[in-house]
Amino acid sequence: MWRSTLRNVSHKLKRTLSPVVEANSKLYEWFNIRSRLLLGKHGKSVPTYITANAVTTARTGLVFPTLLLYSNGFSVLPASLVVINVTFDYVDGAIARWEKSDPNRVKAQTANAKISPQALLSCQSSRLASNFGSYYDAIVDKAFAIPVWLVIFQNSFHSPFLQFALLGHASIEMYSSFVRTKAYYNEPSPLYPELNAKANQSAVVAGYVGKTKQFLAMLGTALVMVPFTSSLGTALLGISLPLAYLSVYQKNQSKSVYCEVSLNGSINAAQLEMIEQSKALGSSLVVGLRADPRVQTNLEESIDILKLNRSVDFILTPDCLPDIIDEAFLDKHSIDLVSLEQHTSETDKKDRVCVSRIDGSLFEKGRTVPVALKYPEN
């Protein structure tokens, strides 16, 4: 009951605040286009030590003079440092995208890696390396904002609403840090994530709602520091508070996915790829093991392999599976979606979705998702 209420409130908030998010997203896209043109023209003159993470670290270091100046009675100077911080939050994102698209920067970063360039990265290491910049940027944003909000809180006893907004933001951001850290280390690492556009966006990467929240909250923080703009800053912090909640809610939605594995001996590489791709569609994964009585299988070994797989949350043995996967089965195990292998090949361009043992009503109700594999099973 409370989950549906929370979902309805979140949808209403999203519709109400969509004009604000859309306006900020247009500003963000405009800045990205201009930055891409500028870096494409003058990027060769940028030293290799000026990276996105270096810019992120430098702007976060501004928290110390900001706190020192504000605690000693200054207003405009610390507010200016907050504005510089949020401005360069856009800059480091633009640099990060440019670094990934520029072969020379990629080569320079690879040369600085601790591992030999001849070594192959695992899927887990590749995902962690790819998402580190987004994770680091989000965490240090909070390392700057939370101390500043708490210091302002101590000097804002005249405004209970401002105190509520500051504590609300600080609390949400601390919880958001937990959500992002958990996602960074525990999200699945598919072999080829680009094959499935429907997969959930990483909870590590900030969406437009989160970017809009950050911009409005930090702009409001700067305005609050200056006495004659304090009321406007309080309003912006109040407006951005629902956005902060919505940003965390979108990253923390739970969705259970069911993936079925037909045993023909033991678990193989194609089935492990299917499991990873399926986990990327939701927050938890239920794997059903289907054994053919006519084929000799090693059930115990397959169960042990799945237990060791960090993407698998629950395992259903063959005796737990009905002949047909229907809505009653999904409801019994609190499953939202069923992932199905989508077969593609060079000789047959038509996609064939494996629909055996799946009740037809699940397709009509949108509770099935085809999953493309790089190496589908025969």
Protein backbone atom coordinates (compact mmCIF):
# COMPACT_ATOMS: atom_id res chain seq x y z
CA MET A 1 0.00 0.00 0.00
CA TRP A 2 2.66 2.49 1.03
CA ARG A 3 4.77 1.61 -2.02
CA SER A 4 1.93 2.47 -4.42
CA THR A 5 1.29 5.72 -2.53
CA LEU A 6 4.98 6.61 -2.73
CA ARG A 7 4.98 5.78 -6.44
CA ASN A 8 1.94 8.00 -7.10
CA VAL A 9 3.46 10.90 -5.17
CA SER A 10 6.71 10.54 -7.13
CA HIS A 11 4.86 10.53 -10.48
CA LYS A 12 2.94 13.67 -9.51
CA LEU A 13 6.14 15.40 -8.42
CA LYS A 14 7.80 14.43 -11.68
CA ARG A 15 4.97 15.91 -13.75
CA THR A 16 4.84 19.10 -11.66
CA LEU A 17 8.58 19.74 -11.78
CA SER A 18 9.14 18.58 -15.36
CA PRO A 19 9.27 22.18 -16.77
CA VAL A 20 12.12 23.03 -14.38
CA VAL A 21 14.01 19.83 -15.25
CA GLU A 22 13.46 20.38 -18.98
CA ALA A 23 14.76 23.96 -18.81
CA ASN A 24 17.89 22.84 -16.98
CA SER A 25 18.43 19.95 -19.39
CA LYS A 26 18.36 22.37 -22.33
CA LEU A 27 20.92 24.58 -20.59
CA TYR A 28 23.04 21.52 -19.89
CA GLU A 29 22.88 20.33 -23.52
CA TRP A 30 23.75 23.83 -24.79
CA PHE A 31 26.77 23.93 -22.48
CA ASN A 32 27.86 20.46 -23.64
CA ILE A 33 27.68 21.42 -27.31
CA ARG A 34 29.69 24.61 -26.75
CA SER A 35 32.24 22.79 -24.61
CA ARG A 36 32.62 20.00 -27.17
CA LEU A 37 33.31 22.52 -29.93
CA LEU A 38 35.79 24.42 -27.77
CA LEU A 39 37.66 21.32 -26.63
CA GLY A 40 37.64 19.88 -30.13
CA LYS A 41 39.35 23.02 -31.41
CA HIS A 42 41.79 23.70 -28.57
CA GLY A 43 41.96 20.32 -26.81
CA LYS A 44 45.54 19.61 -27.89
CA SER A 45 46.78 22.53 -25.81
CA VAL A 46 45.18 21.15 -22.62
CA PRO A 47 47.86 19.46 -20.44
CA THR A 48 47.29 15.78 -19.73
CA TYR A 49 47.27 16.42 -15.97
CA ILE A 50 44.10 18.52 -16.35
CA THR A 51 41.56 15.72 -16.23
CA ALA A 52 37.91 15.63 -15.24
CA ASN A 53 38.79 14.09 -11.87
CA ALA A 54 41.47 16.74 -11.29
CA VAL A 55 38.92 19.51 -11.90
CA THR A 56 36.45 17.74 -9.59
CA THR A 57 39.05 17.52 -6.83
CA ALA A 58 40.09 21.16 -7.25
CA ARG A 59 36.55 22.55 -7.08
CA THR A 60 35.73 20.40 -4.07
CA GLY A 61 38.79 21.79 -2.28
CA LEU A 62 37.00 25.14 -2.29
CA VAL A 63 34.92 23.88 0.64
CA PHE A 64 37.69 24.86 3.09
CA PRO A 65 37.94 28.58 2.17
CA THR A 66 34.14 28.66 1.81
CA LEU A 67 33.60 27.46 5.38
CA LEU A 68 36.42 29.65 6.74
CA LEU A 69 35.14 32.82 5.07
CA TYR A 70 31.49 32.28 5.96
CA SER A 71 32.29 31.40 9.58
CA ASN A 72 34.21 34.69 9.88
CA GLY A 73 31.31 36.87 8.76
CA PHE A 74 31.93 37.14 5.02
CA SER A 75 29.01 36.62 2.65
CA VAL A 76 29.75 37.52 -0.98
CA LEU A 77 33.14 35.79 -1.14
CA PRO A 78 31.97 32.35 0.13
CA ALA A 79 28.84 32.65 -2.04
CA SER A 80 31.09 33.27 -5.05
CA LEU A 81 33.07 30.13 -4.25
CA VAL A 82 29.84 28.09 -4.15
CA VAL A 83 28.89 29.47 -7.58
CA ILE A 84 32.36 28.59 -8.92
CA ASN A 85 31.95 25.07 -7.56
CA VAL A 86 28.59 24.45 -9.25
CA THR A 87 29.80 26.04 -12.51
CA PHE A 88 32.82 23.76 -12.70
CA ASP A 89 30.52 20.81 -11.99
CA TYR A 90 29.38 21.36 -15.58
CA VAL A 91 32.97 21.80 -16.76
CA ASP A 92 34.32 18.52 -15.37
CA GLY A 93 31.42 16.64 -16.98
CA ALA A 94 32.25 18.18 -20.36
CA ILE A 95 35.93 17.29 -19.94
CA ALA A 96 35.01 13.71 -19.00
CA ARG A 97 32.98 13.23 -22.18
CA TRP A 98 35.75 14.79 -24.27
CA GLU A 99 38.37 12.52 -22.69
CA LYS A 100 36.39 9.41 -23.63
CA SER A 101 36.04 10.55 -27.24
CA ASP A 102 39.64 11.74 -27.74
CA PRO A 103 42.03 8.87 -28.67
CA ASN A 104 45.11 10.74 -27.43
CA ARG A 105 43.63 11.30 -23.97
CA VAL A 106 42.52 7.66 -23.76
CA LYS A 107 46.02 6.53 -24.74
CA ALA A 108 47.62 8.82 -22.13
CA GLN A 109 45.34 7.55 -19.38
CA THR A 110 45.99 3.93 -20.38
CA ALA A 111 49.75 4.56 -20.22
CA ASN A 112 49.35 5.75 -16.62
CA ALA A 113 47.48 2.62 -15.57
CA LYS A 114 49.15 0.29 -13.07
CA ILE A 115 48.36 -2.83 -15.08
CA SER A 116 50.11 -3.85 -18.28
CA PRO A 117 48.31 -2.64 -21.45
CA GLN A 118 48.49 -6.23 -22.75
CA ALA A 119 46.25 -7.46 -19.91
CA LEU A 120 42.54 -7.89 -20.54
CA LEU A 121 40.13 -6.22 -18.12
CA SER A 122 37.35 -8.26 -16.56
CA CYS A 123 33.77 -7.03 -17.00
CA GLN A 124 33.75 -5.91 -13.36
CA SER A 125 37.01 -3.95 -13.63
CA SER A 126 35.90 -2.37 -16.89
CA ARG A 127 32.59 -1.21 -15.40
CA LEU A 128 34.25 0.16 -12.26
CA ALA A 129 36.81 2.07 -14.33
CA SER A 130 34.12 3.43 -16.66
CA ASN A 131 31.84 4.60 -13.83
CA PHE A 132 34.50 5.88 -11.45
CA GLY A 133 34.37 9.46 -12.73
CA SER A 134 30.60 9.67 -12.28
CA TYR A 135 30.80 8.08 -8.83
CA TYR A 136 33.66 10.31 -7.69
CA ASP A 137 31.93 13.44 -8.98
CA ALA A 138 28.70 12.61 -7.12
CA ILE A 139 30.40 11.76 -3.82
CA VAL A 140 32.61 14.85 -3.69
CA ASP A 141 29.60 17.04 -4.59
CA LYS A 142 28.14 15.90 -1.31
CA ALA A 143 31.47 16.36 0.49
CA PHE A 144 31.28 20.03 -0.51
CA ALA A 145 27.57 20.65 0.01
CA ILE A 146 26.82 18.92 3.32
CA PRO A 147 29.41 20.76 5.48
CA VAL A 148 28.34 24.09 3.94
CA TRP A 149 24.65 23.37 4.66
CA LEU A 150 25.38 22.41 8.27
CA VAL A 151 27.37 25.61 8.89
CA ILE A 152 24.57 27.71 7.39
CA PHE A 153 22.08 25.78 9.54
CA GLN A 154 23.89 26.95 12.68
CA ASN A 155 23.41 30.57 11.60
CA SER A 156 19.78 30.38 10.44
CA PHE A 157 17.73 30.08 13.64
CA HIS A 158 15.63 33.01 12.39
CA SER A 159 14.19 30.84 9.57
CA PRO A 160 12.77 27.41 10.53
CA PHE A 161 11.84 26.69 6.89
CA LEU A 162 15.43 27.29 5.78
CA GLN A 163 16.66 24.97 8.54
CA PHE A 164 14.19 22.31 7.44
CA ALA A 165 15.34 22.63 3.80
CA LEU A 166 19.02 22.44 4.77
CA LEU A 167 18.56 19.40 7.00
CA GLY A 168 16.33 17.77 4.38
CA HIS A 169 18.97 18.22 1.68
CA ALA A 170 21.77 17.00 3.95
CA SER A 171 19.82 13.89 4.96
CA ILE A 172 18.82 13.00 1.39
CA GLU A 173 22.36 13.52 0.11
CA MET A 174 23.83 11.27 2.79
CA TYR A 175 21.35 8.54 1.85
CA SER A 176 22.09 9.17 -1.83
CA SER A 177 25.80 8.57 -1.10
CA PHE A 178 24.90 5.17 0.30
CA VAL A 179 22.73 4.32 -2.74
CA ARG A 180 25.45 5.36 -5.21
CA THR A 181 28.22 3.53 -3.35
CA LYS A 182 26.16 0.36 -3.19
CA ALA A 183 25.35 0.65 -6.91
CA TYR A 184 28.97 1.38 -7.86
CA TYR A 185 30.28 -1.80 -6.26
CA ASN A 186 27.29 -4.12 -6.71
CA GLU A 187 25.72 -3.31 -10.09
CA PRO A 188 25.97 -6.11 -12.66
CA SER A 189 28.76 -6.10 -15.23
CA PRO A 190 27.30 -7.38 -18.52
CA LEU A 191 29.72 -8.54 -21.20
CA TYR A 192 28.14 -6.20 -23.78
CA PRO A 193 25.84 -3.68 -22.01
CA GLU A 194 25.29 -1.72 -25.23
CA LEU A 195 23.21 -4.58 -26.66
CA ASN A 196 20.25 -3.80 -24.41
CA ALA A 197 18.97 -0.23 -24.51
CA LYS A 198 16.13 -1.11 -22.14
CA ALA A 199 18.49 -1.93 -19.29
CA ASN A 200 18.22 0.29 -16.24
CA GLN A 201 20.43 3.35 -16.21
CA SER A 202 23.22 3.05 -13.70
CA ALA A 203 22.34 4.47 -10.30
CA VAL A 204 25.89 5.80 -10.20
CA VAL A 205 25.36 8.22 -13.07
CA ALA A 206 23.41 11.41 -12.40
CA GLY A 207 20.26 11.98 -14.48
CA TYR A 208 18.73 15.30 -15.49
CA VAL A 209 16.63 15.39 -12.31
CA GLY A 210 19.77 15.05 -10.20
CA LYS A 211 21.65 17.65 -12.22
CA THR A 212 18.76 20.12 -11.90
CA LYS A 213 18.56 19.49 -8.15
CA GLN A 214 22.30 20.09 -7.75
CA PHE A 215 22.23 23.31 -9.75
CA LEU A 216 19.22 24.81 -7.93
CA ALA A 217 20.38 23.67 -4.48
CA MET A 218 23.88 25.11 -4.83
CA LEU A 219 22.61 28.33 -6.40
CA GLY A 220 20.15 28.62 -3.51
CA THR A 221 22.99 27.95 -1.06
CA ALA A 222 25.03 30.81 -2.53
CA LEU A 223 22.07 33.21 -2.38
CA VAL A 224 21.28 32.25 1.23
CA MET A 225 24.78 33.35 2.25
CA VAL A 226 24.14 36.92 1.11
CA PRO A 227 21.67 38.73 3.42
CA PHE A 228 19.68 40.65 0.79
CA THR A 229 19.17 37.53 -1.40
CA SER A 230 18.56 35.10 1.46
CA SER A 231 14.81 34.84 0.81
CA LEU A 232 15.35 33.92 -2.85
CA GLY A 233 17.96 31.33 -1.84
CA THR A 234 15.58 29.80 0.70
CA ALA A 235 12.93 29.49 -2.02
CA LEU A 236 15.38 27.73 -4.38
CA LEU A 237 16.42 25.30 -1.64
CA GLY A 238 12.76 24.58 -0.98
CA ILE A 239 12.04 24.01 -4.69
CA SER A 240 15.04 21.71 -5.10
CA LEU A 241 14.14 19.57 -2.06
CA PRO A 242 11.42 17.55 -3.92
CA LEU A 243 13.89 17.14 -6.80
CA ALA A 244 16.43 15.70 -4.36
CA TYR A 245 13.86 13.18 -3.14
CA LEU A 246 12.80 12.33 -6.70
CA SER A 247 16.41 11.82 -7.80
CA VAL A 248 17.06 9.30 -5.02
CA TYR A 249 13.69 7.60 -5.54
CA GLN A 250 14.45 7.00 -9.22
CA LYS A 251 17.79 5.42 -8.35
CA ASN A 252 16.39 3.27 -5.57
CA GLN A 253 13.34 1.73 -7.26
CA SER A 254 13.16 -2.02 -6.75
CA LYS A 255 12.30 -4.29 -9.68
CA SER A 256 12.59 -8.06 -9.61
CA VAL A 257 13.52 -9.89 -12.83
CA TYR A 258 13.11 -13.60 -13.58
CA CYS A 259 15.57 -15.39 -15.85
CA GLU A 260 15.26 -19.07 -16.72
CA VAL A 261 18.22 -21.28 -17.49
CA SER A 262 17.78 -24.62 -19.25
CA LEU A 263 20.44 -27.04 -18.07
CA ASN A 264 22.27 -29.13 -20.62
CA GLY A 265 25.09 -30.43 -18.51
CA SER A 266 26.30 -27.42 -16.49
CA ILE A 267 26.02 -23.63 -16.71
CA ASN A 268 27.77 -22.27 -19.82
CA ALA A 269 29.15 -18.86 -20.85
CA ALA A 270 26.05 -17.88 -22.87
CA GLN A 271 23.82 -18.53 -19.86
CA LEU A 272 26.10 -16.49 -17.59
CA GLU A 273 25.92 -13.62 -20.08
CA MET A 274 22.13 -13.95 -20.07
CA ILE A 275 22.14 -13.71 -16.26
CA GLU A 276 24.27 -10.54 -16.27
CA GLN A 277 22.15 -8.85 -18.93
CA SER A 278 18.98 -9.80 -17.06
CA LYS A 279 20.24 -8.37 -13.76
CA ALA A 280 20.87 -5.04 -15.52
CA LEU A 281 17.10 -4.80 -16.11
CA GLY A 282 16.24 -4.58 -12.42
CA SER A 283 17.42 -4.47 -8.84
CA SER A 284 17.14 -8.19 -8.02
CA LEU A 285 17.35 -11.35 -10.10
CA VAL A 286 15.57 -14.66 -9.65
CA VAL A 287 17.09 -17.51 -11.69
CA GLY A 288 15.01 -20.59 -12.43
CA LEU A 289 16.80 -23.81 -13.30
CA ARG A 290 14.94 -25.94 -15.84
CA ALA A 291 16.25 -29.51 -16.15
CA ASP A 292 15.40 -31.86 -19.01
CA PRO A 293 14.89 -35.37 -17.59
CA ARG A 294 16.16 -36.84 -20.86
CA VAL A 295 19.52 -35.07 -20.53
CA GLN A 296 22.09 -35.77 -17.84
CA THR A 297 22.70 -32.60 -15.86
CA ASN A 298 24.90 -31.60 -12.97
CA LEU A 299 22.32 -29.74 -10.90
CA GLU A 300 24.40 -29.37 -7.74
CA GLU A 301 27.34 -27.89 -9.62
CA SER A 302 25.04 -25.45 -11.46
CA ILE A 303 23.49 -24.31 -8.17
CA ASP A 304 26.95 -23.76 -6.68
CA ILE A 305 28.00 -21.69 -9.71
CA LEU A 306 24.90 -19.51 -9.37
CA LYS A 307 25.46 -19.08 -5.64
CA LEU A 308 28.92 -17.70 -6.41
CA ASN A 309 27.54 -15.28 -9.03
CA ARG A 310 27.05 -11.84 -7.44
CA SER A 311 24.28 -10.96 -9.92
CA VAL A 312 22.02 -13.78 -8.70
CA ASP A 313 19.83 -13.03 -5.69
CA PHE A 314 17.53 -16.07 -5.61
CA ILE A 315 17.60 -19.51 -7.21
CA LEU A 316 14.56 -21.68 -7.98
CA THR A 317 15.34 -25.35 -8.47
CA PRO A 318 13.52 -27.46 -11.12
CA ASP A 319 10.99 -28.83 -8.64
CA CYS A 320 9.87 -25.23 -7.87
CA LEU A 321 9.06 -24.38 -11.51
CA PRO A 322 5.64 -24.94 -13.11
CA ASP A 323 5.31 -26.21 -16.66
CA ILE A 324 4.21 -22.75 -17.80
CA ILE A 325 5.49 -19.47 -16.35
CA ASP A 326 2.32 -17.46 -15.78
CA GLU A 327 1.18 -14.43 -13.77
CA ALA A 328 0.36 -16.54 -10.71
CA PHE A 329 3.95 -17.78 -10.60
CA LEU A 330 5.32 -14.22 -10.91
CA ASP A 331 3.03 -12.89 -8.18
CA LYS A 332 3.92 -15.80 -5.87
CA HIS A 333 7.62 -14.92 -6.08
CA SER A 334 7.14 -11.10 -6.30
CA ILE A 335 8.59 -10.95 -9.82
CA ASP A 336 7.98 -7.92 -12.04
CA LEU A 337 9.56 -8.91 -15.37
CA VAL A 338 10.62 -12.03 -17.26
CA SER A 339 13.75 -11.76 -19.40
CA LEU A 340 13.81 -13.81 -22.59
CA GLU A 341 16.72 -14.52 -24.88
CA GLN A 342 16.40 -12.67 -28.18
CA HIS A 343 18.27 -14.62 -30.86
CA THR A 344 20.04 -12.77 -33.63
CA SER A 345 22.50 -14.01 -36.23
CA GLU A 346 24.20 -12.79 -39.39
CA THR A 347 22.35 -15.28 -41.57
CA ASP A 348 18.93 -14.62 -40.06
CA LYS A 349 18.28 -10.91 -39.52
CA LYS A 350 14.82 -11.52 -38.09
CA ASP A 351 14.74 -11.61 -34.32
CA ARG A 352 13.26 -14.77 -32.83
CA VAL A 353 12.12 -14.41 -29.23
CA CYS A 354 12.23 -17.62 -27.23
CA VAL A 355 8.67 -17.98 -25.94
CA SER A 356 8.63 -21.60 -24.82
CA ARG A 357 7.01 -22.23 -21.44
CA ILE A 358 5.83 -18.58 -21.16
CA ASP A 359 2.14 -17.79 -20.83
CA GLY A 360 0.95 -15.56 -23.69
CA SER A 361 -0.81 -13.08 -21.38
CA LEU A 362 2.57 -11.95 -20.00
CA PHE A 363 3.49 -10.55 -23.41
CA GLU A 364 0.23 -8.62 -23.64
CA LYS A 365 0.70 -7.12 -20.18
CA GLY A 366 4.26 -6.02 -20.90
CA ARG A 367 5.88 -8.26 -18.29
CA THR A 368 8.46 -9.76 -20.65
CA VAL A 369 11.68 -8.17 -21.95
CA PRO A 370 13.79 -9.62 -24.80
CA VAL A 371 17.51 -9.68 -24.00
CA ALA A 372 20.08 -9.60 -26.81
CA LEU A 373 23.22 -11.66 -26.36
CA LYS A 374 26.53 -11.35 -28.16
CA TYR A 375 26.91 -15.15 -28.18
CA PRO A 376 23.40 -16.60 -28.06
CA GLU A 377 22.84 -20.23 -27.33
CA ASN A 378 22.18 -22.49 -30.28
